[in-house]
Amino acid sequence: MPAFRLALPLALLRPSALARLPARLLAAQALARSRRSLGRLDDHILRDIGLTREQAESEALRAAWDAPMHWKG
């Protein structure tokens, strides 16, 4: 009989990784929402926070999983 293997990475099979999954999904959703909001800010508000329109649009287009490592803790 052939042995069947799950196509999931081993890290996802650990209980601690599964327990953190909902929190990671919520964090990715919040990051995506924040980035969309950043892209909708007026130019004068962007100047107040030290960003150009191009920087804000570039950040707004980044994927939710594209976050700095220190955010992923």
Protein backbone atom coordinates (compact mmCIF):
# COMPACT_ATOMS: atom_id res chain seq x y z
CA MET A 1 0.00 0.00 0.00
CA PRO A 2 1.30 3.45 -0.83
CA ALA A 3 1.86 5.86 2.01
CA PHE A 4 -0.13 9.06 1.63
CA ARG A 5 1.40 12.34 2.71
CA LEU A 6 -0.25 15.60 3.46
CA ALA A 7 0.72 18.43 1.15
CA LEU A 8 1.02 20.83 4.08
CA PRO A 9 4.37 22.05 5.40
CA LEU A 10 5.31 20.38 8.66
CA ALA A 11 5.26 23.75 10.44
CA LEU A 12 1.51 23.99 9.82
CA LEU A 13 0.93 20.62 11.45
CA ARG A 14 2.25 21.76 14.83
CA PRO A 15 -0.52 22.76 17.24
CA SER A 16 1.19 26.05 18.08
CA ALA A 17 1.30 27.07 14.40
CA LEU A 18 -2.37 26.20 13.96
CA ALA A 19 -3.26 28.17 17.07
CA ARG A 20 -1.52 31.27 15.69
CA LEU A 21 -3.14 31.05 12.25
CA PRO A 22 -6.30 33.07 13.08
CA ALA A 23 -4.21 35.85 14.62
CA ARG A 24 -1.92 35.96 11.59
CA LEU A 25 -4.87 36.13 9.21
CA LEU A 26 -6.41 38.97 11.21
CA ALA A 27 -3.08 40.82 11.26
CA ALA A 28 -2.71 40.44 7.48
CA GLN A 29 -6.24 41.73 6.98
CA ALA A 30 -5.57 44.74 9.22
CA LEU A 31 -2.33 45.48 7.36
CA ALA A 32 -4.12 45.34 3.99
CA ARG A 33 -6.83 47.67 5.30
CA SER A 34 -4.23 50.14 6.62
CA ARG A 35 -2.36 50.14 3.34
CA ARG A 36 -5.56 50.81 1.38
CA SER A 37 -6.35 53.71 3.73
CA LEU A 38 -2.88 55.12 3.26
CA GLY A 39 -3.41 55.19 -0.50
CA ARG A 40 -6.58 57.27 -0.03
CA LEU A 41 -5.03 60.03 2.08
CA ASP A 42 -4.87 63.60 0.75
CA ASP A 43 -1.52 65.03 -0.30
CA HIS A 44 -1.45 67.55 2.57
CA ILE A 45 -1.92 64.76 5.13
CA LEU A 46 0.80 62.71 3.45
CA ARG A 47 3.14 65.71 3.73
CA ASP A 48 2.29 65.94 7.44
CA ILE A 49 3.45 62.36 7.99
CA GLY A 50 6.48 62.76 5.72
CA LEU A 51 5.41 60.70 2.71
CA THR A 52 5.07 61.53 -0.96
CA ARG A 53 2.11 60.44 -3.06
CA GLU A 54 4.38 57.95 -4.85
CA GLN A 55 5.54 56.40 -1.57
CA ALA A 56 1.97 56.09 -0.31
CA GLU A 57 0.77 54.48 -3.54
CA SER A 58 3.73 52.11 -3.58
CA GLU A 59 2.96 51.02 -0.01
CA ALA A 60 -0.76 50.72 -0.74
CA LEU A 61 -0.03 48.29 -3.59
CA ARG A 62 2.06 45.91 -1.47
CA ALA A 63 0.56 42.55 -0.63
CA ALA A 64 -0.70 41.84 2.88
CA TRP A 65 1.91 39.12 3.43
CA ASP A 66 4.71 41.53 2.43
CA ALA A 67 5.43 42.85 5.92
CA PRO A 68 8.75 43.55 7.65
CA MET A 69 10.12 40.60 9.63
CA HIS A 70 9.95 42.50 12.95
CA TRP A 71 6.15 42.80 12.48
CA LYS A 72 5.79 39.05 12.05
CA GLY A 73 7.28 38.35 15.50
